[in-house]
Protein backbone atom coordinates (compact mmCIF):
# COMPACT_ATOMS: atom_id res chain seq x y z
CA MET A 1 13.59 -17.52 -29.38
CA ASN A 2 14.55 -14.04 -27.81
CA LEU A 3 11.83 -13.34 -25.75
CA GLU A 4 14.04 -9.91 -24.14
CA THR A 5 12.54 -6.84 -24.18
CA GLN A 6 13.76 -3.24 -22.70
CA TYR A 7 11.88 -1.37 -19.77
CA LEU A 8 12.62 1.77 -18.45
CA GLY A 9 15.85 1.51 -20.16
CA LEU A 10 16.49 -1.62 -18.29
CA SER A 11 16.79 -4.93 -20.07
CA LEU A 12 14.56 -7.76 -18.84
CA ARG A 13 14.77 -11.65 -19.88
CA HIS A 14 10.74 -11.46 -20.98
CA PRO A 15 7.97 -9.08 -20.62
CA ILE A 16 6.19 -10.50 -17.74
CA VAL A 17 6.60 -8.31 -14.52
CA ALA A 18 4.90 -8.97 -11.52
CA SER A 19 2.87 -6.18 -10.22
CA ALA A 20 2.55 -4.26 -6.93
CA SER A 21 0.11 -6.72 -4.80
CA PRO A 22 0.17 -8.92 -1.64
CA LEU A 23 2.79 -11.19 -3.23
CA THR A 24 5.48 -8.51 -3.56
CA ALA A 25 5.17 -6.82 -0.08
CA ASP A 26 7.67 -8.98 1.92
CA LEU A 27 10.81 -10.70 1.19
CA ASP A 28 10.05 -14.30 1.22
CA HIS A 29 6.93 -13.86 -1.30
CA ILE A 30 9.39 -11.30 -3.45
CA LEU A 31 11.77 -13.97 -3.64
CA ARG A 32 9.46 -17.19 -4.17
CA VAL A 33 8.24 -14.55 -7.38
CA ALA A 34 11.52 -14.00 -8.65
CA ASP A 35 12.04 -17.78 -8.33
CA ALA A 36 9.01 -18.54 -10.04
CA GLY A 37 10.30 -16.45 -13.24
CA ALA A 38 9.17 -12.83 -13.03
CA ALA A 39 11.47 -10.65 -15.40
CA ALA A 40 11.29 -7.78 -12.73
CA ILE A 41 9.14 -7.14 -9.58
CA VAL A 42 7.07 -4.30 -8.58
CA MET A 43 7.27 -3.94 -5.00
CA ALA A 44 3.65 -3.58 -3.06
CA SER A 45 2.87 0.25 -3.00
CA ILE A 46 4.13 2.58 0.06
CA PHE A 47 1.37 5.04 0.97
CA GLU A 48 2.57 8.29 2.89
CA GLU A 49 -0.91 8.17 4.58
CA GLU A 50 0.17 5.31 6.32
CA ILE A 51 3.58 6.28 7.29
CA ALA A 52 2.28 9.50 8.65
CA ALA A 53 -0.67 7.52 10.85
CA GLN A 54 1.80 5.89 12.72
CA GLU A 55 4.18 8.60 13.14
CA VAL A 56 1.24 10.57 15.13
CA HIS A 57 0.28 7.45 17.19
CA ASP A 58 3.98 6.98 18.42
CA ALA A 59 4.06 10.92 19.12
CA ALA A 60 1.32 10.37 21.09
CA LEU A 61 2.40 7.71 22.87
CA PHE A 62 5.46 9.29 23.50
CA GLU A 63 3.52 12.45 25.13
CA ALA A 64 1.43 10.84 27.18
CA GLY A 65 1.51 11.76 30.57
CA GLU A 66 4.71 13.61 30.20
CA ASP A 67 3.16 16.61 32.18
CA SER A 68 1.76 14.46 34.91
CA HIS A 69 4.73 14.93 37.43
CA PRO A 70 8.19 16.68 36.99
CA ASP A 71 10.19 14.39 38.99
CA VAL A 72 8.66 11.16 37.01
CA ASN A 73 11.61 8.91 35.27
CA GLY A 74 11.74 7.91 32.07
CA GLY A 75 10.32 4.62 32.71
CA TYR A 76 7.20 6.10 33.31
CA PHE A 77 6.78 6.42 29.63
CA PRO A 78 5.01 3.88 27.33
CA ALA A 79 8.16 2.16 25.01
CA VAL A 80 8.23 3.60 21.60
CA PRO A 81 8.88 1.60 18.75
CA GLN A 82 12.08 2.13 17.35
CA ALA A 83 11.46 0.58 13.70
CA THR A 84 8.98 2.41 11.79
CA VAL A 85 6.65 1.13 8.84
CA LEU A 86 8.68 2.95 6.53
CA ASP A 87 11.91 1.27 8.04
CA GLY A 88 10.48 -2.05 7.32
CA ARG A 89 9.52 -1.23 4.08
CA LEU A 90 12.63 0.05 3.18
CA SER A 91 14.66 -3.14 4.77
CA VAL A 92 12.70 -5.35 2.61
CA LEU A 93 13.38 -3.33 -0.76
CA ARG A 94 17.21 -3.02 0.46
CA ARG A 95 17.38 -6.97 0.69
CA ALA A 96 15.18 -7.73 -2.13
CA ALA A 97 17.53 -5.43 -4.66
CA GLU A 98 20.35 -7.61 -3.09
CA ARG A 99 18.58 -11.09 -3.72
CA ALA A 100 16.02 -11.24 -6.23
CA GLY A 101 18.03 -11.25 -9.34
CA VAL A 102 15.55 -9.60 -11.25
CA PRO A 103 14.97 -5.42 -11.21
CA VAL A 104 12.88 -4.36 -8.01
CA ILE A 105 10.67 -1.62 -8.83
CA ALA A 106 9.59 0.50 -6.13
CA SER A 107 5.87 1.56 -6.09
CA LEU A 108 4.73 4.84 -4.25
CA ASN A 109 1.66 6.52 -3.52
CA GLY A 110 2.09 10.35 -1.55
CA CYS A 111 -0.96 12.48 -0.65
CA THR A 112 1.61 15.68 -0.40
CA GLN A 113 4.32 16.68 -2.81
CA ALA A 114 6.83 17.14 -0.09
CA GLY A 115 5.65 13.20 0.91
CA TRP A 116 6.16 12.09 -2.55
CA VAL A 117 9.54 13.55 -2.77
CA HIS A 118 10.84 12.60 0.43
CA PHE A 119 9.78 8.75 0.02
CA ALA A 120 10.96 8.91 -3.76
CA ARG A 121 14.45 9.69 -2.53
CA LYS A 122 14.47 7.41 0.61
CA LEU A 123 13.40 4.16 -2.22
CA GLU A 124 16.47 5.18 -4.40
CA GLN A 125 18.93 4.85 -1.45
CA ALA A 126 17.58 1.72 -0.61
CA GLY A 127 18.18 0.33 -3.60
CA ALA A 128 15.38 0.91 -6.23
CA ALA A 129 15.90 -0.01 -9.86
CA ALA A 130 13.22 2.62 -10.71
CA ILE A 131 9.79 4.22 -8.97
CA GLU A 132 6.20 4.07 -10.10
CA LEU A 133 4.47 6.70 -9.03
CA ASN A 134 1.01 5.59 -8.35
CA PHE A 135 -1.17 7.74 -9.53
CA TRP A 136 -4.32 7.04 -7.50
CA HIS A 137 -6.51 9.82 -6.75
CA ILE A 138 -10.22 10.59 -6.46
CA ALA A 139 -11.38 14.04 -7.32
CA ALA A 140 -14.35 13.99 -4.80
CA ASN A 141 -13.97 17.80 -4.34
CA PRO A 142 -16.20 19.55 -6.81
CA ASP A 143 -14.95 22.61 -6.97
CA GLU A 144 -11.07 20.98 -7.86
CA THR A 145 -10.98 20.97 -11.62
CA GLY A 146 -9.61 18.51 -14.17
CA ALA A 147 -6.92 21.20 -15.07
CA GLU A 148 -6.04 21.49 -11.32
CA VAL A 149 -5.53 17.62 -11.00
CA GLU A 150 -3.59 17.37 -14.55
CA GLU A 151 -1.21 19.92 -12.89
CA ARG A 152 -0.75 18.49 -9.49
CA PHE A 153 0.24 15.34 -11.07
CA ILE A 154 3.03 17.39 -13.60
CA ALA A 155 4.27 19.20 -10.51
CA ILE A 156 4.71 15.60 -8.26
CA LEU A 157 6.48 14.04 -11.16
CA LYS A 158 8.99 17.23 -12.00
CA ALA A 159 9.34 17.76 -8.25
CA VAL A 160 10.54 13.88 -7.89
CA LYS A 161 12.69 14.11 -11.10
CA ALA A 162 14.37 16.54 -9.78
CA GLU A 163 15.36 14.59 -6.69
CA VAL A 164 16.28 11.38 -7.77
CA SER A 165 18.24 9.70 -10.60
CA ILE A 166 16.56 6.37 -11.38
CA PRO A 167 14.13 6.19 -14.09
CA VAL A 168 10.98 7.45 -12.86
CA SER A 169 7.49 5.55 -14.32
CA ILE A 170 3.77 6.76 -13.78
CA LYS A 171 0.66 4.19 -13.19
CA LEU A 172 -1.93 6.50 -14.49
CA PRO A 173 -5.75 6.18 -13.69
CA PRO A 174 -8.11 6.01 -16.56
CA PHE A 175 -10.56 8.99 -15.83
CA PHE A 176 -8.90 11.94 -17.80
CA SER A 177 -10.92 13.80 -20.15
CA ALA A 178 -8.21 13.30 -22.33
CA PRO A 179 -5.84 10.72 -21.38
CA GLY A 180 -4.05 10.99 -24.66
CA ASN A 181 -2.86 14.73 -23.67
CA MET A 182 -2.06 13.96 -20.23
CA ALA A 183 0.01 10.62 -21.48
CA LYS A 184 2.00 13.12 -23.53
CA ARG A 185 2.36 15.95 -21.02
CA LEU A 186 3.85 13.07 -18.41
CA VAL A 187 6.17 12.12 -20.97
CA GLU A 188 7.41 15.86 -22.04
CA ALA A 189 8.13 16.31 -18.43
CA GLY A 190 10.27 13.13 -17.88
CA ALA A 191 8.25 10.05 -17.33
CA ALA A 192 10.47 7.05 -18.44
CA GLY A 193 7.10 5.25 -18.74
CA LEU A 194 3.60 4.56 -18.30
CA VAL A 195 1.51 2.01 -16.74
CA LEU A 196 -1.83 1.92 -18.48
CA PHE A 197 -3.74 1.70 -16.00
CA ASN A 198 -4.44 1.97 -12.45
CA ARG A 199 -7.03 -0.15 -11.22
CA PHE A 200 -9.72 1.48 -9.21
CA TYR A 201 -11.34 -0.68 -6.36
CA GLU A 202 -14.57 0.45 -5.62
CA PRO A 203 -16.03 -0.55 -2.26
CA GLY A 204 -19.05 -2.06 -2.33
CA LEU A 205 -22.59 -1.50 -0.13
CA ASP A 206 -23.33 -4.43 2.06
CA LEU A 207 -27.37 -4.89 3.24
CA HIS A 208 -26.35 -7.00 6.15
CA PRO A 209 -25.50 -4.94 8.16
CA VAL A 210 -25.57 -1.64 6.24
CA ALA A 211 -21.83 -0.84 6.12
CA PRO A 212 -19.68 -0.02 3.24
CA GLU A 213 -18.28 -3.24 2.00
CA ALA A 214 -14.34 -3.58 1.12
CA ASP A 215 -13.93 -6.78 -1.01
CA ALA A 216 -11.45 -6.80 -3.62
CA GLN A 217 -12.26 -8.36 -6.92
CA LEU A 218 -9.83 -10.12 -9.06
CA SER A 219 -9.21 -8.90 -12.53
CA THR A 220 -10.67 -10.59 -15.84
CA SER A 221 -8.88 -10.54 -19.47
CA TYR A 222 -12.53 -8.48 -20.34
CA GLU A 223 -10.63 -5.43 -18.71
CA LEU A 224 -7.75 -5.73 -20.56
CA ARG A 225 -9.33 -4.09 -23.15
CA LEU A 226 -9.36 -0.63 -22.44
CA PRO A 227 -5.64 -0.48 -21.47
CA LEU A 228 -5.09 -2.13 -24.76
CA ILE A 229 -6.83 0.54 -26.76
CA TRP A 230 -4.97 3.32 -24.98
CA THR A 231 -1.47 1.31 -25.52
CA GLY A 232 -2.28 0.79 -29.13
CA LEU A 233 -3.08 4.50 -29.84
CA LEU A 234 -0.52 6.04 -28.07
CA SER A 235 2.62 3.32 -28.18
CA ARG A 236 4.03 5.00 -31.70
CA ARG A 237 3.15 8.63 -30.59
CA LEU A 238 5.01 8.45 -27.37
CA GLN A 239 8.81 7.88 -27.20
CA THR A 240 8.58 6.10 -23.45
CA SER A 241 8.05 2.79 -22.05
CA PHE A 242 4.87 1.21 -22.04
CA ALA A 243 3.27 -1.21 -19.61
CA VAL A 244 -0.34 -2.39 -19.49
CA SER A 245 -1.88 -3.36 -16.09
CA GLY A 246 -5.12 -4.74 -15.18
CA GLY A 247 -6.67 -7.97 -17.11
CA VAL A 248 -3.35 -9.65 -17.81
CA ASN A 249 -4.62 -13.17 -16.86
CA SER A 250 -2.53 -15.63 -19.51
CA GLY A 251 0.22 -15.53 -21.71
CA GLU A 252 -2.13 -14.74 -24.71
CA ASP A 253 -3.14 -11.53 -23.19
CA VAL A 254 0.78 -11.02 -22.94
CA VAL A 255 0.41 -11.46 -26.37
CA ARG A 256 -2.01 -8.94 -26.82
CA CYS A 257 -0.13 -6.29 -24.73
CA LEU A 258 2.78 -6.62 -26.80
CA LEU A 259 1.13 -6.43 -30.13
CA ALA A 260 -0.51 -2.91 -28.86
CA GLY A 261 2.86 -1.72 -28.53
CA ALA A 262 3.49 -2.34 -24.64
CA ASP A 263 7.14 -3.04 -23.52
CA VAL A 264 6.06 -5.36 -20.60
CA ALA A 265 2.65 -6.25 -19.45
CA MET A 266 2.25 -6.35 -15.51
CA VAL A 267 0.61 -9.47 -14.00
CA THR A 268 -1.58 -9.56 -10.61
CA SER A 269 -4.54 -11.21 -10.23
CA ALA A 270 -3.54 -14.38 -12.15
CA LEU A 271 -0.72 -14.76 -9.80
CA LEU A 272 -3.27 -14.27 -6.86
CA ARG A 273 -5.47 -16.76 -8.08
CA HIS A 274 -3.14 -19.46 -9.11
CA GLY A 275 0.02 -18.82 -7.63
CA SER A 276 3.28 -17.35 -8.46
CA GLY A 277 3.98 -20.52 -10.34
CA PHE A 278 1.82 -19.66 -13.04
CA LEU A 279 4.49 -17.37 -14.31
CA SER A 280 5.88 -20.49 -16.55
CA THR A 281 2.65 -21.05 -17.59
CA MET A 282 2.11 -17.85 -18.99
CA LEU A 283 5.51 -17.83 -20.54
CA ALA A 284 4.89 -21.27 -22.11
CA GLU A 285 1.40 -19.98 -23.41
CA MET A 286 3.57 -16.76 -25.36
CA GLN A 287 6.20 -19.23 -26.42
CA ALA A 288 3.53 -21.52 -28.16
CA TRP A 289 1.82 -18.60 -30.01
CA MET A 290 5.37 -17.43 -31.22
CA GLU A 291 6.20 -20.33 -32.23
CA ALA A 292 2.98 -21.51 -33.80
CA ARG A 293 3.62 -18.25 -36.00
CA SER A 294 7.54 -18.68 -36.51
CA VAL A 295 8.05 -15.66 -34.57
CA GLU A 296 11.38 -15.51 -33.19
CA SER A 297 11.51 -12.97 -30.96
CA VAL A 298 9.41 -10.40 -29.12
CA ALA A 299 10.54 -7.25 -31.15
CA ALA A 300 9.53 -8.78 -34.46
CA PHE A 301 5.92 -8.32 -33.46
CA LYS A 302 5.75 -5.62 -30.57
CA GLY A 303 3.49 -2.83 -31.99
CA GLN A 304 2.13 -4.80 -34.79
CA LEU A 305 -1.31 -3.55 -33.98
CA ALA A 306 -0.54 -0.35 -32.99
CA ALA A 307 -2.34 2.50 -34.46
CA HIS A 308 -0.58 3.94 -37.66
CA GLY A 309 -1.67 6.77 -39.44
CA THR A 310 -3.53 10.03 -37.88
CA ALA A 311 -4.88 10.25 -34.59
CA GLN A 312 -8.56 10.89 -36.75
CA ALA A 313 -8.46 7.39 -38.40
CA ALA A 314 -7.79 5.69 -35.33
CA GLU A 315 -10.71 7.77 -33.85
CA THR A 316 -13.15 6.58 -36.80
CA PHE A 317 -11.83 3.22 -36.56
CA LEU A 318 -12.88 2.75 -33.10
CA ARG A 319 -16.03 4.52 -33.37
CA ASP A 320 -16.83 1.72 -36.34
CA GLN A 321 -15.94 -0.95 -34.13
CA TYR A 322 -18.35 0.38 -31.24
CA ARG A 323 -21.17 0.62 -33.97
CA ARG A 324 -20.12 -2.97 -34.80
CA ILE A 325 -19.90 -4.39 -31.47
CA LEU A 326 -24.11 -2.60 -30.94
CA SER A 327 -25.40 -4.07 -33.76
CA SER A 328 -23.74 -7.59 -32.92
CA THR A 329 -25.24 -7.75 -29.16
CA PRO A 330 -28.95 -9.07 -29.68
CA ALA A 331 -30.23 -6.75 -26.85
CA PHE A 332 -28.71 -4.27 -28.66
CA GLY A 333 -29.30 -4.88 -32.19
CA GLN A 334 -33.05 -5.21 -32.20
């Protein structure tokens, strides 16, 4: 049985990729996930504001009291850490790339174009097999238009592509008014792959005491439906790699992603819930589905349920399914 697939030009043993999470944040965990069987690993995201906050803090330490006395000796100043947050993350990436035995993809979330470019260059130098631009942005400014958000994303991708030679993928949020058009423009701008979608972690409101509540809820397989729809709609229309992210919790979920046309399925919540050893269970479930249907390779069924024909035909099909769902639900159908 041939489980091999291609993603971002990388040859992978099978289509299950460990996505960015606490399990891919340090070397020991990364090696454990690799040993458990992940075909590739997306390292936990580097956030530009985290790096910038430490730089500001360290600068404040160094400057504290510097004008107190002209004759004060250097021992008066607080010790400034020599290793930064970025140094630590790059060190983990460098060692993981050398020892994991599978491609290690860096994940990056910036807040300025200069930051995106600077950190992308550093990640390439540290040995990343590819870079995933983690476009997690909340358009909270009511004066900012959707077109402005989209243009900024395109500009960031082009700027990063101009500075690195390794493949660059985009992890997209699902909140565009026309996700298909945005995906097409990103591919035209040089995206080697699209990850559908970036999961939006919403803070809640705690009433005891009254305060924002930051609690992460792990995904369920039901959440897989949105990325499946868009992967199915786009995978035959855009010449790029596709990854499904959000809701992949079993080997059968991986099969669903492949049927829709994805090259890989990215898993996070299932590993946080069950441990990295669950990768072997997912692979076994995937193989069992293939064996039951005498399917000998991933290539033989990948994209089998991707949208054929015109975009209008696909929209008509989805509208029909929408009506069927409403009519089959008692609370809606009565």
